Amino acid sequence: MSRKPDNIEFLTNMMQFGPNAIVAQMLIMEAVSRYAAAVARLKPEDLGGMKDGMVSPEAWIACAKEVHAKMENRLGEPST
C-alpha cells in the first residue's frame, strides 16, 4: 500500500507536473495571496468557531499576516 503524499509533495506535484502545471502555479499563488489577505484583516472574534480548535484564531491570523507579507514581497503587490 502506498502512502499519501504530504502537503508539500502534493502541491509540488500539482505545480510541476501535468498539462496545466504553469497555470496551476499561478492559480495556487493567487489563491494563497487572496486568502491570506482576507484572513489578515480579520479579528480573533471573527473566527469564534476556531476558539477551541487545534489552532487558535490569534495564531491563524498571525500566520495569515506573515504569509500575506511574504506574498506581497514576492509578488511586488502593494499592502492592503
Protein backbone atom coordinates (compact mmCIF):
# COMPACT_ATOMS: atom_id res chain seq x y z
CA MET A 1 0.00 0.00 0.00
CA SER A 2 1.45 3.37 -0.98
CA ARG A 3 1.39 6.34 1.34
CA LYS A 4 -0.40 9.56 0.55
CA PRO A 5 1.90 12.47 -0.27
CA ASP A 6 2.31 15.12 2.40
CA ASN A 7 1.06 18.66 1.67
CA ILE A 8 4.36 19.85 0.22
CA GLU A 9 4.63 16.85 -2.09
CA PHE A 10 1.00 17.25 -3.13
CA LEU A 11 1.37 20.94 -4.01
CA THR A 12 4.73 20.39 -5.70
CA ASN A 13 3.18 17.69 -7.87
CA MET A 14 0.33 19.98 -8.93
CA MET A 15 2.70 22.86 -9.63
CA GLN A 16 5.36 20.94 -11.53
CA PHE A 17 3.68 18.13 -13.41
CA GLY A 18 0.75 17.86 -15.75
CA PRO A 19 -0.55 19.77 -18.72
CA ASN A 20 -1.65 22.75 -16.61
CA ALA A 21 1.27 22.94 -14.18
CA ILE A 22 2.27 26.50 -15.08
CA VAL A 23 -1.29 27.76 -14.76
CA ALA A 24 -1.68 25.76 -11.53
CA GLN A 25 1.30 27.67 -10.10
CA MET A 26 -0.37 30.97 -10.89
CA LEU A 27 -3.71 29.82 -9.52
CA ILE A 28 -2.23 28.48 -6.27
CA MET A 29 -0.12 31.60 -5.67
CA GLU A 30 -3.13 33.84 -6.33
CA ALA A 31 -5.36 31.77 -4.04
CA VAL A 32 -2.82 31.82 -1.21
CA SER A 33 -2.30 35.56 -1.61
CA ARG A 34 -6.03 36.38 -1.58
CA TYR A 35 -6.90 34.04 1.30
CA ALA A 36 -4.01 35.28 3.45
CA ALA A 37 -5.01 38.89 2.79
CA ALA A 38 -8.63 38.18 3.72
CA VAL A 39 -7.72 36.37 6.95
CA ALA A 40 -5.12 39.01 7.88
CA ARG A 41 -7.91 41.61 8.00
CA LEU A 42 -9.99 39.62 10.50
CA LYS A 43 -10.21 39.95 14.26
CA PRO A 44 -9.98 36.87 16.50
CA GLU A 45 -13.68 37.20 17.37
CA ASP A 46 -14.48 36.79 13.66
CA LEU A 47 -13.09 33.26 13.92
CA GLY A 48 -15.04 32.22 17.01
CA GLY A 49 -15.59 28.72 15.62
CA MET A 50 -11.84 28.10 15.90
CA LYS A 51 -11.71 29.09 19.58
CA ASP A 52 -11.40 25.55 20.95
CA GLY A 53 -9.77 24.07 17.87
CA MET A 54 -6.28 22.83 17.19
CA VAL A 55 -5.16 26.32 16.09
CA SER A 56 -6.28 29.47 17.88
CA PRO A 57 -7.82 32.35 15.95
CA GLU A 58 -4.89 34.55 17.03
CA ALA A 59 -2.35 32.08 15.63
CA TRP A 60 -4.34 31.71 12.39
CA ILE A 61 -4.45 35.47 11.88
CA ALA A 62 -0.77 35.91 12.79
CA CYS A 63 0.17 33.23 10.26
CA ALA A 64 -2.03 34.90 7.62
CA LYS A 65 -0.31 38.25 8.23
CA GLU A 66 3.11 36.62 7.85
CA VAL A 67 2.13 34.78 4.67
CA HIS A 68 0.45 37.88 3.24
CA ALA A 69 3.57 39.98 3.84
CA LYS A 70 5.76 37.35 2.20
CA MET A 71 3.41 37.08 -0.78
CA GLU A 72 3.38 40.86 -1.20
CA ASN A 73 7.16 40.89 -1.11
CA ARG A 74 7.37 38.02 -3.60
CA LEU A 75 4.75 39.34 -5.98
CA GLY A 76 5.52 43.03 -5.55
CA GLU A 77 1.95 43.89 -4.57
CA PRO A 78 1.05 46.96 -2.53
CA SER A 79 -0.04 46.46 1.06
CA THR A 80 -3.81 46.16 1.61
